[in-house]
Amino acid sequence: MREEREGRMSRLFGAVRQNGYVVRDIHAAMDHWAKVLGIGPWFYVERVKTDYFRHRGADSDVEMSIALANSGDLQIELIQQRNDAPSMYKEFLDSGREGLQHMAFWTTDYQDLHDRALSLGYKVGHEGQIGGAHGRFAYFDTELHPGTVIELSDISGGKGRFFEHVRQAAMGWDGSDPIRPIK
């Protein structure tokens, strides 16, 4: 935890590690980021399997696709919701917006930081888990203007290792194999 605090950019959460964009067409978005901006390769998951997903405290059967790539140490996440289940992604799109929806902070001490945020008055908008207990995430309902929803993501397990793999793949990427499907 000391290491995380030394390089802090936010007094509570640390450095922003990911910007998340909610899009209507993830393939067009990946193509744009790779061809126009030169960012990639994209690791694409057509159907994300969550262990659970809750929106404003109620279970939700959200279906989504995600794509991940890095620009330096900043991870870019593209999210396309595939159904009408309740989520903050759907709320964002229903309000007529598309684009930057959240910024994420990563931690290996998830529960402590999550509890601290709640004690300071943050409210969970939606939360879930991918790949077991060390794959938890929470989106706090903090949007005061577009793109300021805060996600807290546990990277103490396999998700953290995968995120590092995505970062390494972006280093020196030559533009080949721009979309890499993950099963």
N, C-alpha and C. Protein backbone atom coordinates (compact mmCIF):
# COMPACT_ATOMS: atom_id res chain seq x y z
N MET A 1 0.83 -1.20 0.00
CA MET A 1 0.00 0.00 0.00
C MET A 1 0.87 1.26 0.00
N ARG A 2 2.01 1.23 0.70
CA ARG A 2 2.90 2.38 0.76
C ARG A 2 3.33 2.79 -0.65
N GLU A 3 3.68 1.80 -1.49
CA GLU A 3 4.09 2.07 -2.85
C GLU A 3 3.00 2.80 -3.62
N GLU A 4 1.75 2.38 -3.45
CA GLU A 4 0.63 3.02 -4.14
C GLU A 4 0.49 4.47 -3.69
N ARG A 5 0.69 4.74 -2.42
CA ARG A 5 0.48 6.10 -1.89
C ARG A 5 1.59 7.06 -2.28
N GLU A 6 2.83 6.57 -2.46
CA GLU A 6 3.95 7.46 -2.77
C GLU A 6 3.75 8.20 -4.08
N GLY A 7 3.18 7.55 -5.10
CA GLY A 7 3.00 8.18 -6.39
C GLY A 7 1.59 8.69 -6.62
N ARG A 8 0.88 8.96 -5.56
CA ARG A 8 -0.54 9.32 -5.67
C ARG A 8 -0.79 10.57 -6.48
N MET A 9 -1.84 10.50 -7.23
CA MET A 9 -2.32 11.66 -7.96
C MET A 9 -3.63 12.13 -7.33
N SER A 10 -4.34 11.21 -6.73
CA SER A 10 -5.57 11.51 -6.00
C SER A 10 -5.28 11.17 -4.54
N ARG A 11 -5.64 12.03 -3.65
CA ARG A 11 -5.37 11.76 -2.23
C ARG A 11 -6.09 10.53 -1.72
N LEU A 12 -7.17 10.14 -2.35
CA LEU A 12 -7.92 8.97 -1.91
C LEU A 12 -7.60 7.72 -2.73
N PHE A 13 -7.59 7.84 -4.05
CA PHE A 13 -7.56 6.66 -4.91
C PHE A 13 -6.23 6.36 -5.58
N GLY A 14 -5.31 7.30 -5.64
CA GLY A 14 -4.05 7.07 -6.35
C GLY A 14 -4.11 7.61 -7.76
N ALA A 15 -3.30 7.02 -8.64
CA ALA A 15 -3.21 7.48 -10.03
C ALA A 15 -4.35 6.90 -10.86
N VAL A 16 -4.84 7.68 -11.82
CA VAL A 16 -5.80 7.17 -12.79
C VAL A 16 -5.06 6.16 -13.65
N ARG A 17 -5.61 4.95 -13.74
CA ARG A 17 -4.95 3.88 -14.51
C ARG A 17 -5.70 3.51 -15.77
N GLN A 18 -6.97 3.93 -15.86
CA GLN A 18 -7.78 3.54 -17.02
C GLN A 18 -8.81 4.62 -17.30
N ASN A 19 -9.05 4.88 -18.59
CA ASN A 19 -10.19 5.68 -19.02
C ASN A 19 -11.14 4.74 -19.73
N GLY A 20 -12.41 4.76 -19.35
CA GLY A 20 -13.41 3.87 -19.91
C GLY A 20 -14.40 4.62 -20.79
N TYR A 21 -14.53 4.15 -22.02
CA TYR A 21 -15.42 4.76 -23.00
C TYR A 21 -16.58 3.81 -23.29
N VAL A 22 -17.78 4.30 -23.12
CA VAL A 22 -18.98 3.52 -23.46
C VAL A 22 -19.36 3.90 -24.89
N VAL A 23 -19.46 2.87 -25.72
CA VAL A 23 -19.67 3.09 -27.15
C VAL A 23 -20.85 2.26 -27.64
N ARG A 24 -21.41 2.67 -28.75
CA ARG A 24 -22.51 1.92 -29.36
C ARG A 24 -22.01 0.85 -30.33
N ASP A 25 -20.81 1.04 -30.89
CA ASP A 25 -20.25 0.10 -31.86
C ASP A 25 -18.78 -0.12 -31.50
N ILE A 26 -18.51 -1.19 -30.78
CA ILE A 26 -17.15 -1.44 -30.28
C ILE A 26 -16.17 -1.74 -31.40
N HIS A 27 -16.64 -2.37 -32.48
CA HIS A 27 -15.74 -2.66 -33.60
C HIS A 27 -15.30 -1.38 -34.29
N ALA A 28 -16.22 -0.46 -34.49
CA ALA A 28 -15.87 0.83 -35.09
C ALA A 28 -14.93 1.60 -34.16
N ALA A 29 -15.17 1.52 -32.87
CA ALA A 29 -14.31 2.22 -31.91
C ALA A 29 -12.89 1.65 -31.90
N MET A 30 -12.77 0.30 -31.88
CA MET A 30 -11.43 -0.31 -31.93
C MET A 30 -10.71 0.10 -33.21
N ASP A 31 -11.43 0.07 -34.32
CA ASP A 31 -10.85 0.43 -35.61
C ASP A 31 -10.33 1.87 -35.58
N HIS A 32 -11.14 2.78 -35.03
CA HIS A 32 -10.75 4.19 -34.93
C HIS A 32 -9.50 4.35 -34.08
N TRP A 33 -9.51 3.77 -32.89
CA TRP A 33 -8.37 3.92 -31.99
C TRP A 33 -7.10 3.32 -32.60
N ALA A 34 -7.22 2.18 -33.27
CA ALA A 34 -6.03 1.53 -33.84
C ALA A 34 -5.53 2.25 -35.09
N LYS A 35 -6.44 2.56 -36.03
CA LYS A 35 -6.01 3.12 -37.32
C LYS A 35 -5.78 4.62 -37.28
N VAL A 36 -6.64 5.35 -36.59
CA VAL A 36 -6.53 6.81 -36.58
C VAL A 36 -5.57 7.29 -35.49
N LEU A 37 -5.65 6.67 -34.31
CA LEU A 37 -4.83 7.13 -33.19
C LEU A 37 -3.57 6.29 -32.98
N GLY A 38 -3.51 5.12 -33.62
CA GLY A 38 -2.32 4.27 -33.49
C GLY A 38 -2.19 3.59 -32.15
N ILE A 39 -3.31 3.40 -31.46
CA ILE A 39 -3.30 2.77 -30.13
C ILE A 39 -3.80 1.34 -30.26
N GLY A 40 -3.04 0.42 -29.71
CA GLY A 40 -3.38 -1.00 -29.75
C GLY A 40 -2.20 -1.81 -29.27
N PRO A 41 -2.27 -3.09 -29.41
CA PRO A 41 -3.36 -3.90 -29.93
C PRO A 41 -4.52 -3.95 -28.94
N TRP A 42 -5.69 -4.28 -29.46
CA TRP A 42 -6.91 -4.38 -28.67
C TRP A 42 -7.17 -5.82 -28.29
N PHE A 43 -7.33 -6.07 -27.02
CA PHE A 43 -7.71 -7.38 -26.51
C PHE A 43 -9.22 -7.33 -26.31
N TYR A 44 -9.93 -8.11 -27.13
CA TYR A 44 -11.38 -8.00 -27.25
C TYR A 44 -12.08 -9.22 -26.65
N VAL A 45 -13.04 -8.95 -25.78
CA VAL A 45 -13.88 -10.00 -25.19
C VAL A 45 -15.31 -9.74 -25.66
N GLU A 46 -15.81 -10.62 -26.51
CA GLU A 46 -17.14 -10.42 -27.09
C GLU A 46 -18.25 -10.49 -26.05
N ARG A 47 -18.19 -11.45 -25.16
CA ARG A 47 -19.21 -11.61 -24.11
C ARG A 47 -18.51 -11.76 -22.76
N VAL A 48 -18.50 -10.70 -21.99
CA VAL A 48 -17.87 -10.73 -20.68
C VAL A 48 -18.73 -11.55 -19.73
N LYS A 49 -18.09 -12.48 -19.05
CA LYS A 49 -18.80 -13.30 -18.07
C LYS A 49 -18.51 -12.74 -16.68
N THR A 50 -19.54 -12.22 -16.05
CA THR A 50 -19.37 -11.72 -14.68
C THR A 50 -19.83 -12.78 -13.69
N ASP A 51 -19.17 -12.82 -12.54
CA ASP A 51 -19.61 -13.69 -11.46
C ASP A 51 -20.93 -13.17 -10.89
N TYR A 52 -21.03 -11.86 -10.80
CA TYR A 52 -22.26 -11.17 -10.44
C TYR A 52 -22.16 -9.73 -10.91
N PHE A 53 -23.31 -9.09 -11.05
CA PHE A 53 -23.36 -7.69 -11.43
C PHE A 53 -24.60 -7.10 -10.76
N ARG A 54 -24.42 -5.99 -10.05
CA ARG A 54 -25.54 -5.31 -9.38
C ARG A 54 -25.58 -3.85 -9.80
N HIS A 55 -26.78 -3.38 -10.09
CA HIS A 55 -26.99 -1.98 -10.43
C HIS A 55 -27.87 -1.37 -9.35
N ARG A 56 -27.31 -0.38 -8.67
CA ARG A 56 -28.01 0.33 -7.59
C ARG A 56 -28.60 -0.66 -6.58
N GLY A 57 -27.82 -1.69 -6.27
CA GLY A 57 -28.17 -2.66 -5.23
C GLY A 57 -28.98 -3.85 -5.69
N ALA A 58 -29.46 -3.86 -6.93
CA ALA A 58 -30.27 -4.98 -7.44
C ALA A 58 -29.49 -5.76 -8.50
N ASP A 59 -29.64 -7.08 -8.47
CA ASP A 59 -28.98 -7.91 -9.47
C ASP A 59 -29.41 -7.49 -10.87
N SER A 60 -28.46 -7.52 -11.80
CA SER A 60 -28.73 -7.16 -13.19
C SER A 60 -28.01 -8.16 -14.08
N ASP A 61 -28.68 -8.58 -15.14
CA ASP A 61 -28.11 -9.54 -16.09
C ASP A 61 -27.48 -8.81 -17.28
N VAL A 62 -26.64 -7.84 -16.99
CA VAL A 62 -26.01 -7.05 -18.05
C VAL A 62 -25.14 -7.95 -18.93
N GLU A 63 -25.23 -7.70 -20.22
CA GLU A 63 -24.38 -8.37 -21.20
C GLU A 63 -23.56 -7.29 -21.88
N MET A 64 -22.24 -7.52 -21.95
CA MET A 64 -21.38 -6.49 -22.54
C MET A 64 -20.17 -7.10 -23.22
N SER A 65 -19.64 -6.32 -24.12
CA SER A 65 -18.36 -6.61 -24.77
C SER A 65 -17.39 -5.55 -24.29
N ILE A 66 -16.12 -5.94 -24.14
CA ILE A 66 -15.10 -4.95 -23.78
C ILE A 66 -13.87 -5.16 -24.65
N ALA A 67 -13.11 -4.10 -24.80
CA ALA A 67 -11.82 -4.15 -25.48
C ALA A 67 -10.85 -3.30 -24.67
N LEU A 68 -9.63 -3.80 -24.54
CA LEU A 68 -8.60 -3.13 -23.74
C LEU A 68 -7.34 -2.93 -24.56
N ALA A 69 -6.75 -1.75 -24.43
CA ALA A 69 -5.44 -1.44 -25.02
C ALA A 69 -4.79 -0.40 -24.12
N ASN A 70 -3.52 -0.20 -24.31
CA ASN A 70 -2.81 0.80 -23.52
C ASN A 70 -2.20 1.87 -24.41
N SER A 71 -2.11 3.07 -23.85
CA SER A 71 -1.31 4.15 -24.39
C SER A 71 -0.37 4.52 -23.25
N GLY A 72 0.87 4.06 -23.32
CA GLY A 72 1.78 4.20 -22.19
C GLY A 72 1.23 3.40 -21.02
N ASP A 73 1.21 4.02 -19.85
CA ASP A 73 0.71 3.33 -18.67
C ASP A 73 -0.80 3.46 -18.50
N LEU A 74 -1.45 4.25 -19.35
CA LEU A 74 -2.90 4.45 -19.26
C LEU A 74 -3.61 3.40 -20.11
N GLN A 75 -4.49 2.64 -19.48
CA GLN A 75 -5.29 1.67 -20.20
C GLN A 75 -6.56 2.35 -20.72
N ILE A 76 -6.91 2.02 -21.96
CA ILE A 76 -8.15 2.48 -22.57
C ILE A 76 -9.09 1.29 -22.59
N GLU A 77 -10.30 1.46 -22.08
CA GLU A 77 -11.31 0.41 -22.10
C GLU A 77 -12.48 0.89 -22.94
N LEU A 78 -12.92 0.05 -23.85
CA LEU A 78 -14.12 0.30 -24.64
C LEU A 78 -15.17 -0.69 -24.17
N ILE A 79 -16.39 -0.21 -23.95
CA ILE A 79 -17.49 -1.04 -23.44
C ILE A 79 -18.70 -0.83 -24.32
N GLN A 80 -19.26 -1.94 -24.81
CA GLN A 80 -20.54 -1.89 -25.52
C GLN A 80 -21.50 -2.80 -24.78
N GLN A 81 -22.57 -2.22 -24.25
CA GLN A 81 -23.59 -3.04 -23.61
C GLN A 81 -24.43 -3.68 -24.70
N ARG A 82 -24.73 -4.98 -24.53
CA ARG A 82 -25.40 -5.77 -25.56
C ARG A 82 -26.89 -6.01 -25.29
N ASN A 83 -27.39 -5.55 -24.15
CA ASN A 83 -28.81 -5.73 -23.85
C ASN A 83 -29.33 -4.50 -23.11
N ASP A 84 -30.58 -4.56 -22.67
CA ASP A 84 -31.20 -3.41 -22.00
C ASP A 84 -31.23 -3.54 -20.48
N ALA A 85 -30.41 -4.43 -19.92
CA ALA A 85 -30.37 -4.60 -18.46
C ALA A 85 -29.89 -3.31 -17.80
N PRO A 86 -30.37 -3.06 -16.58
CA PRO A 86 -29.95 -1.84 -15.87
C PRO A 86 -28.45 -1.80 -15.61
N SER A 87 -27.85 -0.65 -15.91
CA SER A 87 -26.43 -0.41 -15.62
C SER A 87 -26.16 1.08 -15.77
N MET A 88 -25.03 1.51 -15.27
CA MET A 88 -24.62 2.90 -15.48
C MET A 88 -24.22 3.12 -16.94
N TYR A 89 -23.81 2.08 -17.64
CA TYR A 89 -23.50 2.19 -19.08
C TYR A 89 -24.78 2.55 -19.84
N LYS A 90 -25.86 1.83 -19.54
CA LYS A 90 -27.14 2.08 -20.21
C LYS A 90 -27.65 3.48 -19.88
N GLU A 91 -27.53 3.89 -18.62
CA GLU A 91 -27.95 5.24 -18.23
C GLU A 91 -27.18 6.29 -19.04
N PHE A 92 -25.90 6.07 -19.22
CA PHE A 92 -25.05 6.99 -19.97
C PHE A 92 -25.52 7.10 -21.41
N LEU A 93 -25.73 5.95 -22.06
CA LEU A 93 -26.19 5.95 -23.44
C LEU A 93 -27.60 6.52 -23.56
N ASP A 94 -28.48 6.17 -22.61
CA ASP A 94 -29.86 6.66 -22.65
C ASP A 94 -29.94 8.17 -22.50
N SER A 95 -28.91 8.77 -21.89
CA SER A 95 -28.90 10.23 -21.74
C SER A 95 -28.41 10.92 -23.01
N GLY A 96 -28.14 10.12 -24.05
CA GLY A 96 -27.72 10.68 -25.33
C GLY A 96 -26.22 10.81 -25.50
N ARG A 97 -25.49 10.26 -24.58
CA ARG A 97 -24.03 10.39 -24.65
C ARG A 97 -23.38 9.10 -25.14
N GLU A 98 -22.16 9.26 -25.60
CA GLU A 98 -21.28 8.17 -25.97
C GLU A 98 -19.87 8.72 -25.80
N GLY A 99 -18.97 7.91 -25.25
CA GLY A 99 -17.60 8.37 -25.07
C GLY A 99 -17.13 8.12 -23.65
N LEU A 100 -16.25 9.01 -23.18
CA LEU A 100 -15.65 8.85 -21.86
C LEU A 100 -16.73 8.81 -20.78
N GLN A 101 -16.82 7.70 -20.07
CA GLN A 101 -17.84 7.52 -19.04
C GLN A 101 -17.23 7.41 -17.65
N HIS A 102 -16.02 6.84 -17.56
CA HIS A 102 -15.41 6.69 -16.24
C HIS A 102 -13.89 6.72 -16.30
N MET A 103 -13.32 6.96 -15.14
CA MET A 103 -11.88 6.78 -14.96
C MET A 103 -11.72 5.79 -13.82
N ALA A 104 -10.74 4.90 -13.99
CA ALA A 104 -10.58 3.82 -13.02
C ALA A 104 -9.27 3.96 -12.25
N PHE A 105 -9.37 3.59 -11.00
CA PHE A 105 -8.22 3.49 -10.11
C PHE A 105 -8.07 2.02 -9.76
N TRP A 106 -6.85 1.54 -9.76
CA TRP A 106 -6.58 0.13 -9.47
C TRP A 106 -5.95 0.00 -8.11
N THR A 107 -6.26 -1.11 -7.43
CA THR A 107 -5.72 -1.33 -6.09
C THR A 107 -5.53 -2.81 -5.82
N THR A 108 -4.56 -3.10 -4.98
CA THR A 108 -4.39 -4.46 -4.46
C THR A 108 -4.97 -4.56 -3.06
N ASP A 109 -5.53 -3.47 -2.56
CA ASP A 109 -6.15 -3.42 -1.24
C ASP A 109 -7.60 -2.93 -1.41
N TYR A 110 -8.35 -3.68 -2.22
CA TYR A 110 -9.67 -3.26 -2.66
C TYR A 110 -10.63 -2.98 -1.51
N GLN A 111 -10.80 -3.94 -0.61
CA GLN A 111 -11.82 -3.79 0.43
C GLN A 111 -11.57 -2.57 1.30
N ASP A 112 -10.31 -2.32 1.65
CA ASP A 112 -9.99 -1.17 2.48
C ASP A 112 -10.35 0.13 1.77
N LEU A 113 -9.96 0.24 0.52
CA LEU A 113 -10.23 1.47 -0.23
C LEU A 113 -11.72 1.62 -0.53
N HIS A 114 -12.40 0.52 -0.82
CA HIS A 114 -13.85 0.53 -1.05
C HIS A 114 -14.57 1.02 0.21
N ASP A 115 -14.23 0.44 1.35
CA ASP A 115 -14.87 0.83 2.61
C ASP A 115 -14.58 2.28 2.96
N ARG A 116 -13.37 2.72 2.68
CA ARG A 116 -13.00 4.11 2.96
C ARG A 116 -13.84 5.06 2.10
N ALA A 117 -14.01 4.72 0.82
CA ALA A 117 -14.83 5.56 -0.06
C ALA A 117 -16.27 5.64 0.45
N LEU A 118 -16.82 4.50 0.86
CA LEU A 118 -18.19 4.50 1.39
C LEU A 118 -18.28 5.35 2.66
N SER A 119 -17.27 5.28 3.50
CA SER A 119 -17.28 6.06 4.75
C SER A 119 -17.22 7.56 4.48
N LEU A 120 -16.72 7.95 3.32
CA LEU A 120 -16.64 9.36 2.93
C LEU A 120 -17.89 9.82 2.18
N GLY A 121 -18.88 8.92 2.04
CA GLY A 121 -20.14 9.30 1.42
C GLY A 121 -20.31 8.89 -0.03
N TYR A 122 -19.32 8.22 -0.60
CA TYR A 122 -19.49 7.74 -1.97
C TYR A 122 -20.60 6.69 -2.00
N LYS A 123 -21.36 6.65 -3.09
CA LYS A 123 -22.44 5.68 -3.27
C LYS A 123 -22.11 4.81 -4.48
N VAL A 124 -22.35 3.50 -4.35
CA VAL A 124 -22.11 2.58 -5.45
C VAL A 124 -23.25 2.67 -6.45
N GLY A 125 -22.91 2.91 -7.71
CA GLY A 125 -23.88 2.92 -8.79
C GLY A 125 -24.07 1.52 -9.35
N HIS A 126 -22.97 0.88 -9.69
CA HIS A 126 -23.02 -0.54 -10.01
C HIS A 126 -21.70 -1.18 -9.63
N GLU A 127 -21.76 -2.49 -9.44
CA GLU A 127 -20.59 -3.24 -9.01
C GLU A 127 -20.69 -4.66 -9.50
N GLY A 128 -19.57 -5.35 -9.50
CA GLY A 128 -19.58 -6.72 -9.93
C GLY A 128 -18.26 -7.40 -9.65
N GLN A 129 -18.14 -8.55 -10.25
CA GLN A 129 -16.93 -9.36 -10.06
C GLN A 129 -16.72 -10.19 -11.32
N ILE A 130 -15.45 -10.29 -11.72
CA ILE A 130 -15.06 -11.10 -12.87
C ILE A 130 -13.90 -11.99 -12.44
N GLY A 131 -14.06 -13.29 -12.58
CA GLY A 131 -12.93 -14.20 -12.33
C GLY A 131 -12.59 -14.44 -10.88
N GLY A 132 -13.54 -14.34 -9.99
CA GLY A 132 -13.29 -14.66 -8.59
C GLY A 132 -13.13 -13.44 -7.70
N ALA A 133 -12.85 -13.70 -6.44
CA ALA A 133 -12.84 -12.67 -5.39
C ALA A 133 -11.86 -11.54 -5.67
N HIS A 134 -10.80 -11.78 -6.42
CA HIS A 134 -9.83 -10.72 -6.69
C HIS A 134 -10.10 -10.01 -8.02
N GLY A 135 -11.34 -10.10 -8.48
CA GLY A 135 -11.74 -9.42 -9.71
C GLY A 135 -12.90 -8.47 -9.48
N ARG A 136 -13.02 -7.98 -8.25
CA ARG A 136 -14.14 -7.08 -7.93
C ARG A 136 -13.93 -5.70 -8.54
N PHE A 137 -15.05 -5.03 -8.78
CA PHE A 137 -15.02 -3.65 -9.25
C PHE A 137 -16.27 -2.94 -8.76
N ALA A 138 -16.16 -1.65 -8.55
CA ALA A 138 -17.29 -0.82 -8.16
C ALA A 138 -17.20 0.51 -8.90
N TYR A 139 -18.34 0.96 -9.41
CA TYR A 139 -18.44 2.28 -10.02
C TYR A 139 -19.20 3.15 -9.03
N PHE A 140 -18.56 4.19 -8.56
CA PHE A 140 -19.21 5.10 -7.62
C PHE A 140 -19.98 6.16 -8.42
N ASP A 141 -21.14 6.49 -7.93
CA ASP A 141 -22.03 7.44 -8.59
C ASP A 141 -21.53 8.86 -8.30
N THR A 142 -20.47 9.25 -9.00
CA THR A 142 -19.79 10.51 -8.72
C THR A 142 -19.82 11.48 -9.89
N GLU A 143 -20.63 11.21 -10.88
CA GLU A 143 -20.61 12.04 -12.08
C GLU A 143 -21.24 13.40 -11.83
N LEU A 144 -20.38 14.41 -11.76
CA LEU A 144 -20.85 15.78 -11.67
C LEU A 144 -20.81 16.46 -13.03
N HIS A 145 -20.02 15.91 -13.92
CA HIS A 145 -20.01 16.29 -15.34
C HIS A 145 -19.54 15.06 -16.11
N PRO A 146 -19.79 14.99 -17.42
CA PRO A 146 -19.51 13.76 -18.18
C PRO A 146 -18.09 13.23 -18.00
N GLY A 147 -18.00 11.93 -17.80
CA GLY A 147 -16.71 11.26 -17.74
C GLY A 147 -16.07 11.20 -16.37
N THR A 148 -16.81 11.56 -15.33
CA THR A 148 -16.18 11.57 -14.01
C THR A 148 -16.71 10.50 -13.07
N VAL A 149 -17.37 9.49 -13.59
CA VAL A 149 -17.70 8.34 -12.77
C VAL A 149 -16.37 7.71 -12.37
N ILE A 150 -16.27 7.28 -11.12
CA ILE A 150 -15.04 6.66 -10.63
C ILE A 150 -15.26 5.17 -10.48
N GLU A 151 -14.35 4.40 -11.10
CA GLU A 151 -14.34 2.96 -10.92
C GLU A 151 -13.17 2.60 -10.03
N LEU A 152 -13.41 1.70 -9.09
CA LEU A 152 -12.36 1.12 -8.27
C LEU A 152 -12.26 -0.34 -8.68
N SER A 153 -11.04 -0.79 -9.05
CA SER A 153 -10.88 -2.14 -9.57
C SER A 153 -9.79 -2.88 -8.81
N ASP A 154 -10.12 -4.08 -8.37
CA ASP A 154 -9.20 -4.95 -7.65
C ASP A 154 -8.29 -5.64 -8.67
N ILE A 155 -6.99 -5.41 -8.55
CA ILE A 155 -6.04 -6.02 -9.48
C ILE A 155 -5.10 -7.00 -8.76
N SER A 156 -5.53 -7.49 -7.61
CA SER A 156 -4.64 -8.37 -6.83
C SER A 156 -4.60 -9.80 -7.36
N GLY A 157 -5.45 -10.15 -8.32
CA GLY A 157 -5.47 -11.51 -8.87
C GLY A 157 -5.15 -11.53 -10.34
N GLY A 158 -5.80 -12.43 -11.05
CA GLY A 158 -5.55 -12.64 -12.47
C GLY A 158 -5.82 -11.42 -13.33
N LYS A 159 -6.78 -10.60 -12.94
CA LYS A 159 -7.09 -9.40 -13.72
C LYS A 159 -5.87 -8.48 -13.78
N GLY A 160 -5.18 -8.35 -12.66
CA GLY A 160 -3.98 -7.51 -12.64
C GLY A 160 -2.90 -8.04 -13.56
N ARG A 161 -2.71 -9.36 -13.59
CA ARG A 161 -1.72 -9.96 -14.49
C ARG A 161 -2.13 -9.75 -15.96
N PHE A 162 -3.43 -9.86 -16.24
CA PHE A 162 -3.90 -9.64 -17.61
C PHE A 162 -3.70 -8.18 -18.00
N PHE A 163 -4.00 -7.25 -17.12
CA PHE A 163 -3.80 -5.84 -17.42
C PHE A 163 -2.33 -5.56 -17.74
N GLU A 164 -1.42 -6.19 -17.02
CA GLU A 164 0.01 -6.01 -17.30
C GLU A 164 0.36 -6.59 -18.68
N HIS A 165 -0.25 -7.71 -19.03
CA HIS A 165 -0.04 -8.30 -20.36
C HIS A 165 -0.48 -7.32 -21.46
N VAL A 166 -1.62 -6.68 -21.26
CA VAL A 166 -2.13 -5.69 -22.23
C VAL A 166 -1.13 -4.54 -22.35
N ARG A 167 -0.60 -4.07 -21.22
CA ARG A 167 0.37 -2.96 -21.24
C ARG A 167 1.64 -3.36 -21.98
N GLN A 168 2.14 -4.55 -21.70
CA GLN A 168 3.36 -5.02 -22.35
C GLN A 168 3.17 -5.15 -23.87
N ALA A 169 2.00 -5.63 -24.29
CA ALA A 169 1.73 -5.81 -25.71
C ALA A 169 1.73 -4.47 -26.46
N ALA A 170 1.35 -3.40 -25.77
CA ALA A 170 1.29 -2.08 -26.41
C ALA A 170 2.68 -1.47 -26.61
N MET A 171 3.63 -1.90 -25.79
CA MET A 171 4.98 -1.35 -25.89
C MET A 171 5.62 -1.80 -27.20
N GLY A 172 5.91 -0.86 -28.06
CA GLY A 172 6.53 -1.18 -29.34
C GLY A 172 5.62 -1.84 -30.35
N TRP A 173 4.30 -1.77 -30.12
CA TRP A 173 3.35 -2.38 -31.05
C TRP A 173 3.57 -1.79 -32.45
N ASP A 174 3.65 -2.65 -33.45
CA ASP A 174 3.94 -2.22 -34.81
C ASP A 174 2.70 -2.06 -35.70
N GLY A 175 1.52 -2.19 -35.12
CA GLY A 175 0.28 -2.03 -35.88
C GLY A 175 -0.29 -3.34 -36.41
N SER A 176 0.47 -4.43 -36.29
CA SER A 176 -0.03 -5.70 -36.80
C SER A 176 -0.98 -6.34 -35.79
N ASP A 177 -1.86 -7.18 -36.31
CA ASP A 177 -2.81 -7.92 -35.46
C ASP A 177 -3.50 -6.97 -34.47
N PRO A 178 -4.23 -5.96 -34.97
CA PRO A 178 -4.76 -4.91 -34.09
C PRO A 178 -5.87 -5.34 -33.16
N ILE A 179 -6.62 -6.40 -33.52
CA ILE A 179 -7.70 -6.87 -32.65
C ILE A 179 -7.42 -8.32 -32.32
N ARG A 180 -7.30 -8.61 -31.02
CA ARG A 180 -6.94 -9.94 -30.55
C ARG A 180 -8.05 -10.48 -29.67
N PRO A 181 -8.95 -11.28 -30.26
CA PRO A 181 -10.07 -11.83 -29.49
C PRO A 181 -9.60 -12.72 -28.34
N ILE A 182 -10.27 -12.58 -27.21
CA ILE A 182 -10.02 -13.41 -26.02
C ILE A 182 -11.25 -14.28 -25.82
N LYS A 183 -11.04 -15.57 -25.67
CA LYS A 183 -12.16 -16.50 -25.47
C LYS A 183 -12.51 -16.58 -24.00
